[in-house]
Amino acid sequence: MPTTVVPGTYRHYKDQLYQVIDVATHSESGEQLVVYRPLYGEGKLWVRPLAMLCETVTIDGHSVPRFALLKAG
């Protein structure tokens, strides 16, 4: 499982597109958080733990990335 991400456009396993902006560090815990926004709807900023963004999920018996990089930058 990858443990890093680069800024760019990602596809969520449920088929929506997201823009990853950067990785931030939580000021108290030191946890790495990914700053991103959906490329649909209001497009407000969200954060998610890096480990969660990089994990895989099982769909119909197949392991797939939760978020897959489509285009860096």
PDB file of N, CA and C in Angstrom:
ATOM      1  N   MET A   1       0.846  -1.178   0.000  1.00  0.00           N
ATOM      2  CA  MET A   1       0.000   0.000   0.000  1.00  0.00           C
ATOM      3  C   MET A   1       0.892   1.242   0.000  1.00  0.00           C
ATOM      4  N   PRO A   2       0.664   2.186  -0.923  1.00  0.00           N
ATOM      5  CA  PRO A   2       1.461   3.419  -0.917  1.00  0.00           C
ATOM      6  C   PRO A   2       1.187   4.228   0.349  1.00  0.00           C
ATOM      7  N   THR A   3       2.184   4.962   0.789  1.00  0.00           N
ATOM      8  CA  THR A   3       2.002   5.792   1.986  1.00  0.00           C
ATOM      9  C   THR A   3       2.293   7.257   1.695  1.00  0.00           C
ATOM     10  N   THR A   4       2.365   7.607   0.421  1.00  0.00           N
ATOM     11  CA  THR A   4       2.551   9.001   0.035  1.00  0.00           C
ATOM     12  C   THR A   4       1.567   9.334  -1.077  1.00  0.00           C
ATOM     13  N   VAL A   5       1.263  10.599  -1.196  1.00  0.00           N
ATOM     14  CA  VAL A   5       0.438  11.068  -2.304  1.00  0.00           C
ATOM     15  C   VAL A   5       1.092  12.311  -2.877  1.00  0.00           C
ATOM     16  N   VAL A   6       0.772  12.609  -4.114  1.00  0.00           N
ATOM     17  CA  VAL A   6       1.245  13.831  -4.758  1.00  0.00           C
ATOM     18  C   VAL A   6       0.018  14.661  -5.112  1.00  0.00           C
ATOM     19  N   PRO A   7       0.156  15.973  -5.184  1.00  0.00           N
ATOM     20  CA  PRO A   7      -0.972  16.786  -5.630  1.00  0.00           C
ATOM     21  C   PRO A   7      -1.422  16.346  -7.020  1.00  0.00           C
ATOM     22  N   GLY A   8      -2.719  16.373  -7.242  1.00  0.00           N
ATOM     23  CA  GLY A   8      -3.244  15.994  -8.546  1.00  0.00           C
ATOM     24  C   GLY A   8      -4.698  15.595  -8.472  1.00  0.00           C
ATOM     25  N   THR A   9      -5.169  15.005  -9.563  1.00  0.00           N
ATOM     26  CA  THR A   9      -6.554  14.558  -9.675  1.00  0.00           C
ATOM     27  C   THR A   9      -6.619  13.066  -9.397  1.00  0.00           C
ATOM     28  N   TYR A  10      -7.529  12.687  -8.519  1.00  0.00           N
ATOM     29  CA  TYR A  10      -7.697  11.295  -8.113  1.00  0.00           C
ATOM     30  C   TYR A  10      -9.137  10.863  -8.357  1.00  0.00           C
ATOM     31  N   ARG A  11      -9.304   9.577  -8.641  1.00  0.00           N
ATOM     32  CA  ARG A  11     -10.646   9.000  -8.771  1.00  0.00           C
ATOM     33  C   ARG A  11     -10.901   8.129  -7.544  1.00  0.00           C
ATOM     34  N   HIS A  12     -11.997   8.406  -6.859  1.00  0.00           N
ATOM     35  CA  HIS A  12     -12.431   7.599  -5.722  1.00  0.00           C
ATOM     36  C   HIS A  12     -13.011   6.298  -6.264  1.00  0.00           C
ATOM     37  N   TYR A  13     -12.924   5.228  -5.494  1.00  0.00           N
ATOM     38  CA  TYR A  13     -13.429   3.940  -5.980  1.00  0.00           C
ATOM     39  C   TYR A  13     -14.921   3.976  -6.294  1.00  0.00           C
ATOM     40  N   LYS A  14     -15.655   4.955  -5.765  1.00  0.00           N
ATOM     41  CA  LYS A  14     -17.080   5.099  -6.104  1.00  0.00           C
ATOM     42  C   LYS A  14     -17.274   5.985  -7.333  1.00  0.00           C
ATOM     43  N   ASP A  15     -16.166   6.329  -8.013  1.00  0.00           N
ATOM     44  CA  ASP A  15     -16.133   6.981  -9.323  1.00  0.00           C
ATOM     45  C   ASP A  15     -16.192   8.507  -9.330  1.00  0.00           C
ATOM     46  N   GLN A  16     -16.143   9.171  -8.183  1.00  0.00           N
ATOM     47  CA  GLN A  16     -16.105  10.636  -8.162  1.00  0.00           C
ATOM     48  C   GLN A  16     -14.660  11.119  -8.264  1.00  0.00           C
ATOM     49  N   LEU A  17     -14.469  12.342  -8.781  1.00  0.00           N
ATOM     50  CA  LEU A  17     -13.129  12.915  -8.930  1.00  0.00           C
ATOM     51  C   LEU A  17     -12.837  13.905  -7.807  1.00  0.00           C
ATOM     52  N   TYR A  18     -11.563  13.913  -7.383  1.00  0.00           N
ATOM     53  CA  TYR A  18     -11.108  14.782  -6.303  1.00  0.00           C
ATOM     54  C   TYR A  18      -9.774  15.399  -6.669  1.00  0.00           C
ATOM     55  N   GLN A  19      -9.531  16.601  -6.152  1.00  0.00           N
ATOM     56  CA  GLN A  19      -8.243  17.265  -6.317  1.00  0.00           C
ATOM     57  C   GLN A  19      -7.515  17.201  -4.983  1.00  0.00           C
ATOM     58  N   VAL A  20      -6.380  16.502  -4.970  1.00  0.00           N
ATOM     59  CA  VAL A  20      -5.528  16.496  -3.780  1.00  0.00           C
ATOM     60  C   VAL A  20      -4.639  17.721  -3.867  1.00  0.00           C
ATOM     61  N   ILE A  21      -4.671  18.534  -2.825  1.00  0.00           N
ATOM     62  CA  ILE A  21      -3.931  19.787  -2.805  1.00  0.00           C
ATOM     63  C   ILE A  21      -2.556  19.602  -2.183  1.00  0.00           C
ATOM     64  N   ASP A  22      -2.504  18.950  -1.025  1.00  0.00           N
ATOM     65  CA  ASP A  22      -1.221  18.753  -0.350  1.00  0.00           C
ATOM     66  C   ASP A  22      -1.427  17.862   0.864  1.00  0.00           C
ATOM     67  N   VAL A  23      -0.322  17.548   1.531  1.00  0.00           N
ATOM     68  CA  VAL A  23      -0.356  16.817   2.793  1.00  0.00           C
ATOM     69  C   VAL A  23       0.026  17.795   3.893  1.00  0.00           C
ATOM     70  N   ALA A  24      -0.763  17.820   4.956  1.00  0.00           N
ATOM     71  CA  ALA A  24      -0.518  18.694   6.099  1.00  0.00           C
ATOM     72  C   ALA A  24      -0.242  17.835   7.331  1.00  0.00           C
ATOM     73  N   THR A  25       0.342  18.449   8.337  1.00  0.00           N
ATOM     74  CA  THR A  25       0.632  17.760   9.588  1.00  0.00           C
ATOM     75  C   THR A  25      -0.228  18.349  10.702  1.00  0.00           C
ATOM     76  N   HIS A  26      -0.938  17.480  11.419  1.00  0.00           N
ATOM     77  CA  HIS A  26      -1.767  17.921  12.541  1.00  0.00           C
ATOM     78  C   HIS A  26      -0.858  18.537  13.602  1.00  0.00           C
ATOM     79  N   SER A  27      -1.223  19.708  14.102  1.00  0.00           N
ATOM     80  CA  SER A  27      -0.357  20.463  15.019  1.00  0.00           C
ATOM     81  C   SER A  27      -0.151  19.786  16.371  1.00  0.00           C
ATOM     82  N   GLU A  28      -1.086  18.982  16.809  1.00  0.00           N
ATOM     83  CA  GLU A  28      -0.968  18.348  18.127  1.00  0.00           C
ATOM     84  C   GLU A  28      -0.468  16.911  18.045  1.00  0.00           C
ATOM     85  N   SER A  29      -1.046  16.136  17.146  1.00  0.00           N
ATOM     86  CA  SER A  29      -0.723  14.702  17.094  1.00  0.00           C
ATOM     87  C   SER A  29       0.408  14.368  16.132  1.00  0.00           C
ATOM     88  N   GLY A  30       0.691  15.273  15.190  1.00  0.00           N
ATOM     89  CA  GLY A  30       1.703  14.985  14.172  1.00  0.00           C
ATOM     90  C   GLY A  30       1.183  14.104  13.050  1.00  0.00           C
ATOM     91  N   GLU A  31      -0.099  13.714  13.112  1.00  0.00           N
ATOM     92  CA  GLU A  31      -0.680  12.854  12.075  1.00  0.00           C
ATOM     93  C   GLU A  31      -0.652  13.560  10.722  1.00  0.00           C
ATOM     94  N   GLN A  32      -0.337  12.801   9.684  1.00  0.00           N
ATOM     95  CA  GLN A  32      -0.331  13.322   8.325  1.00  0.00           C
ATOM     96  C   GLN A  32      -1.759  13.307   7.785  1.00  0.00           C
ATOM     97  N   LEU A  33      -2.226  14.459   7.285  1.00  0.00           N
ATOM     98  CA  LEU A  33      -3.580  14.614   6.760  1.00  0.00           C
ATOM     99  C   LEU A  33      -3.510  15.112   5.325  1.00  0.00           C
ATOM    100  N   VAL A  34      -4.343  14.571   4.472  1.00  0.00           N
ATOM    101  CA  VAL A  34      -4.399  14.990   3.077  1.00  0.00           C
ATOM    102  C   VAL A  34      -5.468  16.064   2.942  1.00  0.00           C
ATOM    103  N   VAL A  35      -5.102  17.188   2.330  1.00  0.00           N
ATOM    104  CA  VAL A  35      -6.037  18.286   2.068  1.00  0.00           C
ATOM    105  C   VAL A  35      -6.538  18.099   0.640  1.00  0.00           C
ATOM    106  N   TYR A  36      -7.853  18.004   0.474  1.00  0.00           N
ATOM    107  CA  TYR A  36      -8.413  17.732  -0.852  1.00  0.00           C
ATOM    108  C   TYR A  36      -9.777  18.381  -0.992  1.00  0.00           C
ATOM    109  N   ARG A  37     -10.263  18.422  -2.234  1.00  0.00           N
ATOM    110  CA  ARG A  37     -11.613  18.932  -2.488  1.00  0.00           C
ATOM    111  C   ARG A  37     -12.253  18.074  -3.579  1.00  0.00           C
ATOM    112  N   PRO A  38     -13.556  17.871  -3.482  1.00  0.00           N
ATOM    113  CA  PRO A  38     -14.263  17.170  -4.549  1.00  0.00           C
ATOM    114  C   PRO A  38     -14.370  18.071  -5.776  1.00  0.00           C
ATOM    115  N   LEU A  39     -14.321  17.477  -6.935  1.00  0.00           N
ATOM    116  CA  LEU A  39     -14.478  18.228  -8.187  1.00  0.00           C
ATOM    117  C   LEU A  39     -15.937  18.179  -8.643  1.00  0.00           C
ATOM    118  N   TYR A  40     -16.832  18.228  -7.677  1.00  0.00           N
ATOM    119  CA  TYR A  40     -18.275  18.287  -7.915  1.00  0.00           C
ATOM    120  C   TYR A  40     -18.890  19.009  -6.718  1.00  0.00           C
ATOM    121  N   GLY A  41     -20.111  19.420  -6.833  1.00  0.00           N
ATOM    122  CA  GLY A  41     -20.794  20.083  -5.720  1.00  0.00           C
ATOM    123  C   GLY A  41     -20.138  21.405  -5.353  1.00  0.00           C
ATOM    124  N   GLU A  42     -20.126  21.716  -4.062  1.00  0.00           N
ATOM    125  CA  GLU A  42     -19.592  22.985  -3.573  1.00  0.00           C
ATOM    126  C   GLU A  42     -18.077  23.067  -3.680  1.00  0.00           C
ATOM    127  N   GLY A  43     -17.400  21.942  -3.673  1.00  0.00           N
ATOM    128  CA  GLY A  43     -15.948  21.930  -3.786  1.00  0.00           C
ATOM    129  C   GLY A  43     -15.220  22.447  -2.563  1.00  0.00           C
ATOM    130  N   LYS A  44     -15.861  22.347  -1.371  1.00  0.00           N
ATOM    131  CA  LYS A  44     -15.185  22.848  -0.173  1.00  0.00           C
ATOM    132  C   LYS A  44     -14.036  21.920   0.213  1.00  0.00           C
ATOM    133  N   LEU A  45     -13.079  22.457   0.962  1.00  0.00           N
ATOM    134  CA  LEU A  45     -11.902  21.694   1.362  1.00  0.00           C
ATOM    135  C   LEU A  45     -12.233  20.693   2.459  1.00  0.00           C
ATOM    136  N   TRP A  46     -11.577  19.532   2.377  1.00  0.00           N
ATOM    137  CA  TRP A  46     -11.701  18.477   3.371  1.00  0.00           C
ATOM    138  C   TRP A  46     -10.307  17.993   3.731  1.00  0.00           C
ATOM    139  N   VAL A  47     -10.190  17.319   4.867  1.00  0.00           N
ATOM    140  CA  VAL A  47      -8.958  16.619   5.215  1.00  0.00           C
ATOM    141  C   VAL A  47      -9.316  15.184   5.566  1.00  0.00           C
ATOM    142  N   ARG A  48      -8.367  14.307   5.310  1.00  0.00           N
ATOM    143  CA  ARG A  48      -8.545  12.887   5.582  1.00  0.00           C
ATOM    144  C   ARG A  48      -7.178  12.351   5.988  1.00  0.00           C
ATOM    145  N   PRO A  49      -7.114  11.427   6.939  1.00  0.00           N
ATOM    146  CA  PRO A  49      -5.822  10.850   7.284  1.00  0.00           C
ATOM    147  C   PRO A  49      -5.143  10.236   6.053  1.00  0.00           C
ATOM    148  N   LEU A  50      -3.846  10.472   5.936  1.00  0.00           N
ATOM    149  CA  LEU A  50      -3.080   9.953   4.804  1.00  0.00           C
ATOM    150  C   LEU A  50      -3.253   8.447   4.666  1.00  0.00           C
ATOM    151  N   ALA A  51      -3.200   7.727   5.775  1.00  0.00           N
ATOM    152  CA  ALA A  51      -3.328   6.269   5.721  1.00  0.00           C
ATOM    153  C   ALA A  51      -4.662   5.852   5.114  1.00  0.00           C
ATOM    154  N   MET A  52      -5.724   6.588   5.407  1.00  0.00           N
ATOM    155  CA  MET A  52      -7.044   6.253   4.872  1.00  0.00           C
ATOM    156  C   MET A  52      -7.100   6.514   3.364  1.00  0.00           C
ATOM    157  N   LEU A  53      -6.511   7.614   2.922  1.00  0.00           N
ATOM    158  CA  LEU A  53      -6.516   7.919   1.492  1.00  0.00           C
ATOM    159  C   LEU A  53      -5.744   6.861   0.710  1.00  0.00           C
ATOM    160  N   CYS A  54      -4.682   6.321   1.319  1.00  0.00           N
ATOM    161  CA  CYS A  54      -3.806   5.371   0.629  1.00  0.00           C
ATOM    162  C   CYS A  54      -4.263   3.921   0.737  1.00  0.00           C
ATOM    163  N   GLU A  55      -5.291   3.641   1.525  1.00  0.00           N
ATOM    164  CA  GLU A  55      -5.677   2.251   1.736  1.00  0.00           C
ATOM    165  C   GLU A  55      -6.432   1.673   0.546  1.00  0.00           C
ATOM    166  N   THR A  56      -6.593   0.366   0.576  1.00  0.00           N
ATOM    167  CA  THR A  56      -7.383  -0.322  -0.443  1.00  0.00           C
ATOM    168  C   THR A  56      -8.709  -0.756   0.174  1.00  0.00           C
ATOM    169  N   VAL A  57      -9.688  -0.959  -0.685  1.00  0.00           N
ATOM    170  CA  VAL A  57     -10.995  -1.458  -0.275  1.00  0.00           C
ATOM    171  C   VAL A  57     -11.313  -2.678  -1.128  1.00  0.00           C
ATOM    172  N   THR A  58     -12.165  -3.545  -0.621  1.00  0.00           N
ATOM    173  CA  THR A  58     -12.536  -4.748  -1.358  1.00  0.00           C
ATOM    174  C   THR A  58     -13.899  -4.542  -2.005  1.00  0.00           C
ATOM    175  N   ILE A  59     -13.912  -4.651  -3.332  1.00  0.00           N
ATOM    176  CA  ILE A  59     -15.137  -4.502  -4.116  1.00  0.00           C
ATOM    177  C   ILE A  59     -15.321  -5.778  -4.935  1.00  0.00           C
ATOM    178  N   ASP A  60     -16.441  -6.447  -4.740  1.00  0.00           N
ATOM    179  CA  ASP A  60     -16.731  -7.688  -5.465  1.00  0.00           C
ATOM    180  C   ASP A  60     -15.567  -8.666  -5.403  1.00  0.00           C
ATOM    181  N   GLY A  61     -14.938  -8.761  -4.230  1.00  0.00           N
ATOM    182  CA  GLY A  61     -13.844  -9.703  -4.034  1.00  0.00           C
ATOM    183  C   GLY A  61     -12.493  -9.246  -4.546  1.00  0.00           C
ATOM    184  N   HIS A  62     -12.415  -8.034  -5.097  1.00  0.00           N
ATOM    185  CA  HIS A  62     -11.154  -7.505  -5.618  1.00  0.00           C
ATOM    186  C   HIS A  62     -10.696  -6.318  -4.776  1.00  0.00           C
ATOM    187  N   SER A  63      -9.401  -6.273  -4.508  1.00  0.00           N
ATOM    188  CA  SER A  63      -8.818  -5.169  -3.755  1.00  0.00           C
ATOM    189  C   SER A  63      -8.488  -4.029  -4.714  1.00  0.00           C
ATOM    190  N   VAL A  64      -9.046  -2.844  -4.441  1.00  0.00           N
ATOM    191  CA  VAL A  64      -8.811  -1.676  -5.296  1.00  0.00           C
ATOM    192  C   VAL A  64      -8.422  -0.496  -4.413  1.00  0.00           C
ATOM    193  N   PRO A  65      -7.645   0.459  -4.954  1.00  0.00           N
ATOM    194  CA  PRO A  65      -7.296   1.621  -4.139  1.00  0.00           C
ATOM    195  C   PRO A  65      -8.526   2.480  -3.853  1.00  0.00           C
ATOM    196  N   ARG A  66      -8.586   3.023  -2.643  1.00  0.00           N
ATOM    197  CA  ARG A  66      -9.687   3.941  -2.301  1.00  0.00           C
ATOM    198  C   ARG A  66      -9.639   5.161  -3.221  1.00  0.00           C
ATOM    199  N   PHE A  67      -8.436   5.698  -3.469  1.00  0.00           N
ATOM    200  CA  PHE A  67      -8.223   6.819  -4.379  1.00  0.00           C
ATOM    201  C   PHE A  67      -7.100   6.446  -5.338  1.00  0.00           C
ATOM    202  N   ALA A  68      -7.326   6.587  -6.630  1.00  0.00           N
ATOM    203  CA  ALA A  68      -6.310   6.281  -7.645  1.00  0.00           C
ATOM    204  C   ALA A  68      -5.913   7.563  -8.364  1.00  0.00           C
ATOM    205  N   LEU A  69      -4.616   7.790  -8.477  1.00  0.00           N
ATOM    206  CA  LEU A  69      -4.108   8.981  -9.165  1.00  0.00           C
ATOM    207  C   LEU A  69      -4.415   8.897 -10.655  1.00  0.00           C
ATOM    208  N   LEU A  70      -5.041   9.931 -11.191  1.00  0.00           N
ATOM    209  CA  LEU A  70      -5.297  10.027 -12.627  1.00  0.00           C
ATOM    210  C   LEU A  70      -4.282  10.932 -13.302  1.00  0.00           C
ATOM    211  N   LYS A  71      -3.980  12.073 -12.647  1.00  0.00           N
ATOM    212  CA  LYS A  71      -3.074  13.055 -13.237  1.00  0.00           C
ATOM    213  C   LYS A  71      -2.383  13.833 -12.128  1.00  0.00           C
ATOM    214  N   ALA A  72      -1.053  13.789 -12.116  1.00  0.00           N
ATOM    215  CA  ALA A  72      -0.289  14.550 -11.123  1.00  0.00           C
ATOM    216  C   ALA A  72      -0.310  16.026 -11.481  1.00  0.00           C
ATOM    217  N   GLY A  73      -0.182  16.848 -10.446  1.00  0.00           N
ATOM    218  CA  GLY A  73      -0.118  18.295 -10.682  1.00  0.00           C
ATOM    219  C   GLY A  73      -1.365  18.917 -10.344  1.00  0.00           C
TER     220      GLY A  73
END
